[in-house]
C-alpha cells in the first residue's frame, strides 16, 4: 500500500511537471524551452523525494497507531527532539535552504557546464542538499549546496 501511494505521488508529480515543462509561459522566441524542461525535471526529482519522505512518515505513524502506540507523547517528544537535532544539524538546514534558493534562482541545472568551488565539469544531479558534478577526468564530486558560494555557468546564455 505504501509503495503504491509513493508510486502514485511520483506519477502525479511527473505528469504535472511534464505539462509545466511543455507549457509556453513566455511568448515569443523559444530559446528557453530546453532550460525550462531541465528545471521541471529537477523540480520533479526534488518533489518526488519529498513526497516519498512525507508518505513514509505518515505511514509509519499510522502503523504505530494501529499497533496501539500512543502517538501523543511521541509527537510531544518529537518536538523536543526536533529542537535538539535542529541545533545540531544547522549545516543540513543551510544546505537545504541553499538548494531551494538555487533552484528558484535557476543558477544551474542538470547538464550544465559549470565551475563550482574548485570543480569544473557537468552537473549530473541537483538535489535540495547535494549537487553532483562530474569533472573532465571522470571524477564525480558531491558538493553540499550550503558550501557553494559562487557558481560559474558556461551553459547559460545571456537573458537580455
N, C-alpha and C. Protein backbone atom coordinates (compact mmCIF):
# COMPACT_ATOMS: atom_id res chain seq x y z
N UNK A 1 0.83 -1.20 0.00
CA UNK A 1 0.00 0.00 0.00
C UNK A 1 0.87 1.26 0.00
N UNK A 2 1.87 1.26 0.88
CA UNK A 2 2.78 2.41 0.96
C UNK A 2 3.50 2.60 -0.37
N UNK A 3 3.97 1.51 -0.95
CA UNK A 3 4.69 1.57 -2.21
C UNK A 3 3.80 2.13 -3.31
N UNK A 4 2.52 1.70 -3.34
CA UNK A 4 1.59 2.20 -4.35
C UNK A 4 1.31 3.68 -4.16
N UNK A 5 1.21 4.14 -2.91
CA UNK A 5 0.99 5.56 -2.65
C UNK A 5 2.16 6.38 -3.13
N UNK A 6 3.37 5.88 -2.87
CA UNK A 6 4.55 6.60 -3.32
C UNK A 6 4.63 6.62 -4.84
N UNK A 7 4.29 5.50 -5.48
CA UNK A 7 4.29 5.46 -6.93
C UNK A 7 3.25 6.42 -7.51
N UNK A 8 2.07 6.46 -6.90
CA UNK A 8 1.02 7.35 -7.37
C UNK A 8 1.42 8.81 -7.25
N UNK A 9 2.03 9.16 -6.13
CA UNK A 9 2.50 10.54 -5.95
C UNK A 9 3.58 10.86 -6.97
N UNK A 10 4.50 9.93 -7.19
CA UNK A 10 5.57 10.16 -8.16
C UNK A 10 5.00 10.35 -9.57
N UNK A 11 4.00 9.52 -9.93
CA UNK A 11 3.37 9.67 -11.26
C UNK A 11 2.66 11.01 -11.39
N UNK A 12 1.94 11.41 -10.35
CA UNK A 12 1.22 12.69 -10.41
C UNK A 12 2.19 13.86 -10.54
N UNK A 13 3.28 13.82 -9.79
CA UNK A 13 4.28 14.89 -9.87
C UNK A 13 4.91 14.92 -11.25
N UNK A 14 5.28 13.76 -11.76
CA UNK A 14 5.90 13.69 -13.08
C UNK A 14 4.95 14.21 -14.15
N UNK A 15 3.68 13.80 -14.08
CA UNK A 15 2.68 14.24 -15.06
C UNK A 15 2.49 15.76 -15.01
N UNK A 16 2.35 16.30 -13.79
CA UNK A 16 2.12 17.74 -13.65
C UNK A 16 3.32 18.54 -14.14
N UNK A 17 4.51 18.11 -13.77
CA UNK A 17 5.69 18.88 -14.18
C UNK A 17 6.05 18.66 -15.64
N UNK A 18 5.59 17.58 -16.24
CA UNK A 18 5.76 17.41 -17.68
C UNK A 18 4.94 18.46 -18.42
N UNK A 19 3.74 18.74 -17.90
CA UNK A 19 2.92 19.78 -18.51
C UNK A 19 3.56 21.15 -18.33
N UNK A 20 4.16 21.38 -17.16
CA UNK A 20 4.86 22.64 -16.92
C UNK A 20 6.05 22.77 -17.87
N UNK A 21 6.76 21.68 -18.09
CA UNK A 21 7.93 21.70 -18.96
C UNK A 21 7.56 22.06 -20.39
N UNK A 22 6.39 21.64 -20.83
CA UNK A 22 5.99 21.89 -22.22
C UNK A 22 5.14 23.15 -22.39
N UNK A 23 4.73 23.79 -21.29
CA UNK A 23 3.87 24.97 -21.36
C UNK A 23 4.64 26.15 -21.95
N UNK A 24 3.91 27.03 -22.60
CA UNK A 24 4.50 28.22 -23.21
C UNK A 24 4.21 29.42 -22.30
N UNK A 25 5.08 29.63 -21.32
CA UNK A 25 4.88 30.72 -20.36
C UNK A 25 5.35 32.06 -20.90
N UNK A 26 6.35 32.03 -21.77
CA UNK A 26 6.93 33.27 -22.28
C UNK A 26 6.66 33.35 -23.77
N UNK A 27 5.83 34.33 -24.18
CA UNK A 27 5.56 34.46 -25.62
C UNK A 27 6.81 34.91 -26.37
N UNK A 28 6.86 34.57 -27.64
CA UNK A 28 8.00 34.99 -28.45
C UNK A 28 8.88 33.80 -28.79
N UNK A 29 10.20 34.08 -28.90
CA UNK A 29 11.15 33.05 -29.28
C UNK A 29 11.20 31.93 -28.25
N UNK A 30 11.54 30.76 -28.72
CA UNK A 30 11.57 29.58 -27.86
C UNK A 30 13.00 29.23 -27.43
N UNK A 31 13.78 30.23 -26.99
CA UNK A 31 15.17 29.99 -26.64
C UNK A 31 15.35 29.36 -25.28
N UNK A 32 14.36 29.46 -24.41
CA UNK A 32 14.50 28.95 -23.05
C UNK A 32 13.72 27.65 -22.82
N UNK A 33 13.24 27.00 -23.88
CA UNK A 33 12.41 25.81 -23.73
C UNK A 33 13.22 24.66 -23.12
N UNK A 34 14.44 24.43 -23.59
CA UNK A 34 15.26 23.35 -23.06
C UNK A 34 15.57 23.60 -21.59
N UNK A 35 15.88 24.83 -21.25
CA UNK A 35 16.18 25.18 -19.86
C UNK A 35 14.94 24.95 -18.98
N UNK A 36 13.77 25.30 -19.51
CA UNK A 36 12.51 25.11 -18.77
C UNK A 36 12.28 23.62 -18.52
N UNK A 37 12.57 22.79 -19.51
CA UNK A 37 12.40 21.34 -19.34
C UNK A 37 13.34 20.81 -18.26
N UNK A 38 14.59 21.25 -18.28
CA UNK A 38 15.57 20.79 -17.28
C UNK A 38 15.16 21.23 -15.87
N UNK A 39 14.67 22.46 -15.74
CA UNK A 39 14.23 22.93 -14.43
C UNK A 39 13.04 22.12 -13.95
N UNK A 40 12.12 21.77 -14.85
CA UNK A 40 10.96 20.97 -14.47
C UNK A 40 11.40 19.57 -14.04
N UNK A 41 12.38 18.98 -14.72
CA UNK A 41 12.88 17.65 -14.32
C UNK A 41 13.54 17.71 -12.95
N UNK A 42 14.32 18.76 -12.72
CA UNK A 42 14.98 18.91 -11.42
C UNK A 42 13.95 19.08 -10.32
N UNK A 43 12.95 19.93 -10.55
CA UNK A 43 11.90 20.15 -9.56
C UNK A 43 11.12 18.85 -9.31
N UNK A 44 10.89 18.06 -10.37
CA UNK A 44 10.18 16.80 -10.21
C UNK A 44 10.96 15.84 -9.33
N UNK A 45 12.27 15.79 -9.51
CA UNK A 45 13.11 14.91 -8.68
C UNK A 45 13.01 15.30 -7.21
N UNK A 46 13.10 16.59 -6.94
CA UNK A 46 13.03 17.08 -5.56
C UNK A 46 11.65 16.81 -4.96
N UNK A 47 10.60 17.07 -5.71
CA UNK A 47 9.24 16.85 -5.21
C UNK A 47 8.95 15.37 -4.98
N UNK A 48 9.45 14.50 -5.86
CA UNK A 48 9.25 13.06 -5.66
C UNK A 48 9.92 12.59 -4.38
N UNK A 49 11.14 13.06 -4.14
CA UNK A 49 11.85 12.68 -2.91
C UNK A 49 11.10 13.18 -1.68
N UNK A 50 10.63 14.40 -1.74
CA UNK A 50 9.88 14.96 -0.60
C UNK A 50 8.58 14.20 -0.37
N UNK A 51 7.88 13.87 -1.45
CA UNK A 51 6.62 13.12 -1.32
C UNK A 51 6.86 11.76 -0.70
N UNK A 52 7.93 11.07 -1.11
CA UNK A 52 8.24 9.76 -0.53
C UNK A 52 8.50 9.88 0.96
N UNK A 53 9.23 10.92 1.36
CA UNK A 53 9.54 11.09 2.78
C UNK A 53 8.27 11.36 3.59
N UNK A 54 7.40 12.23 3.09
CA UNK A 54 6.17 12.56 3.80
C UNK A 54 5.25 11.35 3.89
N UNK A 55 5.09 10.63 2.79
CA UNK A 55 4.23 9.44 2.79
C UNK A 55 4.79 8.38 3.74
N UNK A 56 6.09 8.19 3.73
CA UNK A 56 6.71 7.23 4.65
C UNK A 56 6.51 7.60 6.10
N UNK A 57 6.63 8.89 6.42
CA UNK A 57 6.43 9.37 7.79
C UNK A 57 4.99 9.16 8.24
N UNK A 58 4.04 9.53 7.39
CA UNK A 58 2.62 9.35 7.73
C UNK A 58 2.29 7.86 7.87
N UNK A 59 2.81 7.04 6.96
CA UNK A 59 2.56 5.60 7.04
C UNK A 59 3.15 5.02 8.32
N UNK A 60 4.34 5.45 8.68
CA UNK A 60 4.95 4.98 9.92
C UNK A 60 4.12 5.34 11.14
N UNK A 61 3.60 6.57 11.16
CA UNK A 61 2.75 7.00 12.27
C UNK A 61 1.46 6.18 12.30
N UNK A 62 0.89 5.87 11.14
CA UNK A 62 -0.34 5.08 11.09
C UNK A 62 -0.10 3.65 11.58
N UNK A 63 1.04 3.09 11.21
CA UNK A 63 1.38 1.74 11.66
C UNK A 63 1.53 1.71 13.17
N UNK A 64 2.26 2.70 13.70
CA UNK A 64 2.43 2.76 15.16
C UNK A 64 1.08 2.92 15.86
N UNK A 65 0.20 3.74 15.29
CA UNK A 65 -1.14 3.92 15.86
C UNK A 65 -1.94 2.63 15.87
N UNK A 66 -1.83 1.85 14.79
CA UNK A 66 -2.53 0.58 14.69
C UNK A 66 -1.96 -0.46 15.66
N UNK A 67 -0.71 -0.32 16.00
CA UNK A 67 -0.07 -1.25 16.94
C UNK A 67 -0.38 -0.88 18.39
N UNK A 68 -1.13 0.20 18.58
CA UNK A 68 -1.53 0.59 19.92
C UNK A 68 -0.58 1.56 20.60
N UNK A 69 0.39 2.09 19.87
CA UNK A 69 1.33 3.05 20.45
C UNK A 69 0.62 4.39 20.57
N UNK A 70 0.66 4.99 21.76
CA UNK A 70 0.06 6.30 21.98
C UNK A 70 0.95 7.35 21.31
N UNK A 71 0.44 8.01 20.28
CA UNK A 71 1.24 8.94 19.49
C UNK A 71 1.37 10.32 20.13
N UNK A 72 0.51 10.66 21.11
CA UNK A 72 0.57 11.97 21.77
C UNK A 72 1.93 12.25 22.39
N UNK A 73 2.40 11.41 23.30
CA UNK A 73 3.72 11.64 23.88
C UNK A 73 4.84 11.56 22.84
N UNK A 74 4.65 10.70 21.84
CA UNK A 74 5.66 10.57 20.79
C UNK A 74 5.79 11.88 20.00
N UNK A 75 4.66 12.50 19.68
CA UNK A 75 4.67 13.77 18.95
C UNK A 75 5.28 14.87 19.82
N UNK A 76 4.93 14.90 21.11
CA UNK A 76 5.49 15.91 22.01
C UNK A 76 6.99 15.75 22.16
N UNK A 77 7.45 14.52 22.33
CA UNK A 77 8.89 14.31 22.46
C UNK A 77 9.60 14.56 21.13
N UNK A 78 8.90 14.34 20.03
CA UNK A 78 9.49 14.63 18.72
C UNK A 78 9.76 16.12 18.58
N UNK A 79 8.91 16.96 19.17
CA UNK A 79 9.15 18.40 19.13
C UNK A 79 10.41 18.79 19.87
N UNK A 80 10.59 18.22 21.06
CA UNK A 80 11.80 18.49 21.84
C UNK A 80 13.02 17.92 21.14
N UNK A 81 12.90 16.69 20.65
CA UNK A 81 13.99 16.05 19.94
C UNK A 81 14.32 16.82 18.65
N UNK A 82 13.28 17.30 17.98
CA UNK A 82 13.47 18.08 16.76
C UNK A 82 14.25 19.35 17.03
N UNK A 83 13.97 19.99 18.15
CA UNK A 83 14.71 21.20 18.52
C UNK A 83 16.19 20.87 18.75
N UNK A 84 16.45 19.80 19.50
CA UNK A 84 17.83 19.41 19.78
C UNK A 84 18.57 19.01 18.50
N UNK A 85 17.91 18.25 17.66
CA UNK A 85 18.52 17.85 16.40
C UNK A 85 18.73 19.06 15.50
N UNK A 86 17.77 19.99 15.54
CA UNK A 86 17.88 21.21 14.74
C UNK A 86 19.12 22.02 15.09
N UNK A 87 19.43 22.08 16.36
CA UNK A 87 20.64 22.79 16.78
C UNK A 87 21.88 22.08 16.26
N UNK A 88 21.84 20.77 16.24
CA UNK A 88 22.99 20.00 15.79
C UNK A 88 23.10 19.86 14.29
N UNK A 89 22.03 20.14 13.58
CA UNK A 89 22.05 19.92 12.13
C UNK A 89 21.88 21.22 11.35
N UNK A 90 22.47 22.26 11.85
CA UNK A 90 22.35 23.56 11.17
C UNK A 90 22.93 23.53 9.77
N UNK A 91 23.99 22.75 9.57
CA UNK A 91 24.59 22.69 8.24
C UNK A 91 23.64 22.02 7.24
N UNK A 92 22.89 21.00 7.69
CA UNK A 92 21.93 20.35 6.80
C UNK A 92 20.82 21.32 6.42
N UNK A 93 20.34 22.08 7.40
CA UNK A 93 19.29 23.07 7.14
C UNK A 93 19.82 24.13 6.17
N UNK A 94 21.05 24.56 6.37
CA UNK A 94 21.66 25.56 5.47
C UNK A 94 21.77 24.98 4.05
N UNK A 95 22.18 23.71 3.94
CA UNK A 95 22.29 23.07 2.63
C UNK A 95 20.94 23.03 1.93
N UNK A 96 19.88 22.66 2.66
CA UNK A 96 18.54 22.54 2.07
C UNK A 96 18.03 23.92 1.63
N UNK A 97 18.15 24.91 2.49
CA UNK A 97 17.70 26.25 2.11
C UNK A 97 18.48 26.79 0.92
N UNK A 98 19.78 26.55 0.90
CA UNK A 98 20.59 26.97 -0.25
C UNK A 98 20.14 26.26 -1.51
N UNK A 99 19.81 24.97 -1.39
CA UNK A 99 19.32 24.21 -2.54
C UNK A 99 18.01 24.76 -3.07
N UNK A 100 17.10 25.14 -2.16
CA UNK A 100 15.82 25.72 -2.59
C UNK A 100 16.05 27.03 -3.31
N UNK A 101 16.86 27.89 -2.73
CA UNK A 101 17.15 29.19 -3.35
C UNK A 101 17.83 29.00 -4.71
N UNK A 102 18.77 28.07 -4.78
CA UNK A 102 19.47 27.80 -6.04
C UNK A 102 18.49 27.34 -7.12
N UNK A 103 17.52 26.49 -6.75
CA UNK A 103 16.53 26.03 -7.73
C UNK A 103 15.62 27.17 -8.17
N UNK A 104 15.19 27.99 -7.23
CA UNK A 104 14.30 29.11 -7.55
C UNK A 104 15.00 30.10 -8.47
N UNK A 105 16.26 30.38 -8.19
CA UNK A 105 17.01 31.37 -8.98
C UNK A 105 17.55 30.79 -10.28
N UNK A 106 17.42 29.48 -10.48
CA UNK A 106 17.89 28.82 -11.70
C UNK A 106 19.37 29.10 -11.95
N UNK A 107 20.19 28.91 -10.93
CA UNK A 107 21.62 29.16 -11.06
C UNK A 107 22.29 28.14 -11.98
N UNK A 108 21.87 26.89 -11.89
CA UNK A 108 22.36 25.84 -12.77
C UNK A 108 21.39 24.67 -12.72
N UNK A 109 21.51 23.79 -13.69
CA UNK A 109 20.64 22.63 -13.74
C UNK A 109 21.38 21.42 -14.28
N UNK A 110 20.71 20.29 -14.33
CA UNK A 110 21.31 19.06 -14.82
C UNK A 110 21.77 19.28 -16.26
N UNK A 111 23.01 18.89 -16.54
CA UNK A 111 23.56 19.01 -17.89
C UNK A 111 24.35 20.29 -18.12
N UNK A 112 24.28 21.25 -17.21
CA UNK A 112 25.02 22.50 -17.39
C UNK A 112 26.51 22.27 -17.17
N UNK A 113 27.32 23.02 -17.91
CA UNK A 113 28.77 23.02 -17.75
C UNK A 113 29.12 24.13 -16.78
N UNK A 114 29.59 23.78 -15.57
CA UNK A 114 29.76 24.76 -14.51
C UNK A 114 31.15 24.70 -13.89
N UNK A 115 31.46 25.76 -13.16
CA UNK A 115 32.64 25.82 -12.31
C UNK A 115 32.14 26.20 -10.92
N UNK A 116 32.27 25.27 -9.97
CA UNK A 116 31.78 25.45 -8.61
C UNK A 116 32.93 25.14 -7.67
N UNK A 117 33.22 26.07 -6.76
CA UNK A 117 34.37 25.92 -5.87
C UNK A 117 35.60 25.69 -6.75
N UNK A 118 36.31 24.60 -6.57
CA UNK A 118 37.47 24.32 -7.42
C UNK A 118 37.18 23.18 -8.41
N UNK A 119 35.90 22.90 -8.66
CA UNK A 119 35.49 21.81 -9.53
C UNK A 119 34.91 22.38 -10.83
N UNK A 120 35.42 21.88 -11.96
CA UNK A 120 34.89 22.25 -13.27
C UNK A 120 34.36 20.99 -13.91
N UNK A 121 33.10 21.05 -14.37
CA UNK A 121 32.53 19.88 -15.02
C UNK A 121 31.06 20.05 -15.34
N UNK A 122 30.40 18.92 -15.58
CA UNK A 122 28.98 18.90 -15.97
C UNK A 122 28.14 18.44 -14.79
N UNK A 123 27.04 19.16 -14.55
CA UNK A 123 26.13 18.82 -13.45
C UNK A 123 25.40 17.53 -13.81
N UNK A 124 25.50 16.53 -12.91
CA UNK A 124 24.80 15.26 -13.14
C UNK A 124 23.49 15.18 -12.39
N UNK A 125 23.44 15.77 -11.19
CA UNK A 125 22.18 15.79 -10.46
C UNK A 125 22.17 16.98 -9.51
N UNK A 126 20.96 17.45 -9.25
CA UNK A 126 20.76 18.57 -8.35
C UNK A 126 19.70 18.16 -7.35
N UNK A 127 20.04 18.21 -6.08
CA UNK A 127 19.10 17.89 -5.03
C UNK A 127 18.98 19.07 -4.08
N UNK A 128 18.12 18.93 -3.10
CA UNK A 128 17.99 20.02 -2.13
C UNK A 128 19.24 20.17 -1.29
N UNK A 129 19.95 19.08 -1.01
CA UNK A 129 21.11 19.16 -0.12
C UNK A 129 22.44 19.02 -0.86
N UNK A 130 22.48 18.22 -1.90
CA UNK A 130 23.73 17.89 -2.59
C UNK A 130 23.59 18.13 -4.09
N UNK A 131 24.65 18.64 -4.70
CA UNK A 131 24.77 18.73 -6.15
C UNK A 131 25.94 17.85 -6.56
N UNK A 132 25.76 17.03 -7.59
CA UNK A 132 26.86 16.20 -8.07
C UNK A 132 27.33 16.70 -9.43
N UNK A 133 28.65 16.78 -9.56
CA UNK A 133 29.28 17.29 -10.78
C UNK A 133 30.37 16.30 -11.18
N UNK A 134 30.40 15.94 -12.47
CA UNK A 134 31.45 15.08 -12.99
C UNK A 134 32.46 15.95 -13.72
N UNK A 135 33.73 15.87 -13.26
CA UNK A 135 34.77 16.70 -13.88
C UNK A 135 35.27 16.04 -15.16
N UNK A 136 36.16 16.72 -15.85
CA UNK A 136 36.64 16.25 -17.15
C UNK A 136 37.47 14.96 -17.05
N UNK A 137 38.01 14.65 -15.87
CA UNK A 137 38.77 13.42 -15.69
C UNK A 137 37.86 12.25 -15.32
N UNK A 138 36.57 12.50 -15.13
CA UNK A 138 35.61 11.44 -14.83
C UNK A 138 35.27 11.28 -13.37
N UNK A 139 35.87 12.11 -12.51
CA UNK A 139 35.58 12.03 -11.08
C UNK A 139 34.22 12.66 -10.79
N UNK A 140 33.41 11.98 -9.98
CA UNK A 140 32.10 12.50 -9.58
C UNK A 140 32.26 13.20 -8.24
N UNK A 141 31.96 14.50 -8.20
CA UNK A 141 32.09 15.31 -6.99
C UNK A 141 30.72 15.54 -6.38
N UNK A 142 30.64 15.38 -5.05
CA UNK A 142 29.43 15.64 -4.29
C UNK A 142 29.64 16.94 -3.53
N UNK A 143 28.89 17.97 -3.89
CA UNK A 143 29.05 19.28 -3.27
C UNK A 143 27.81 19.64 -2.47
N UNK A 144 28.01 20.01 -1.20
CA UNK A 144 26.89 20.44 -0.36
C UNK A 144 26.47 21.83 -0.82
N UNK A 145 25.18 22.01 -1.04
CA UNK A 145 24.67 23.29 -1.55
C UNK A 145 24.98 24.45 -0.62
N UNK A 146 25.03 24.23 0.69
CA UNK A 146 25.32 25.30 1.64
C UNK A 146 26.75 25.79 1.57
N UNK A 147 27.64 25.00 0.98
CA UNK A 147 29.06 25.37 0.86
C UNK A 147 29.36 26.08 -0.46
N UNK A 148 28.40 26.07 -1.37
CA UNK A 148 28.62 26.69 -2.68
C UNK A 148 28.36 28.18 -2.56
N UNK A 149 29.43 28.96 -2.65
CA UNK A 149 29.31 30.41 -2.50
C UNK A 149 29.31 31.14 -3.83
N UNK A 150 29.91 30.53 -4.85
CA UNK A 150 29.86 31.14 -6.18
C UNK A 150 29.85 30.05 -7.23
N UNK A 151 29.17 30.35 -8.34
CA UNK A 151 28.99 29.38 -9.43
C UNK A 151 29.24 30.07 -10.74
N UNK A 152 30.05 29.46 -11.58
CA UNK A 152 30.20 29.91 -12.95
C UNK A 152 29.49 28.94 -13.85
N UNK A 153 28.52 29.42 -14.65
CA UNK A 153 27.72 28.54 -15.51
C UNK A 153 28.00 28.89 -16.96
N UNK A 154 28.72 28.02 -17.64
CA UNK A 154 29.07 28.26 -19.05
C UNK A 154 27.92 27.92 -19.99
N UNK A 155 26.92 27.21 -19.50
CA UNK A 155 25.82 26.77 -20.35
C UNK A 155 24.71 27.81 -20.46
N UNK A 156 24.59 28.69 -19.49
CA UNK A 156 23.51 29.69 -19.54
C UNK A 156 23.88 30.80 -20.51
N UNK A 157 22.95 31.06 -21.39
CA UNK A 157 23.13 32.15 -22.35
C UNK A 157 22.61 33.44 -21.74
N UNK A 158 22.98 34.53 -22.33
CA UNK A 158 22.52 35.83 -21.87
C UNK A 158 21.01 35.89 -21.96
N UNK A 159 20.39 36.47 -20.92
CA UNK A 159 18.92 36.55 -20.88
C UNK A 159 18.43 37.95 -21.20
N UNK A 160 19.20 38.68 -21.88
CA UNK A 160 18.85 40.07 -22.14
C UNK A 160 18.10 40.30 -23.33
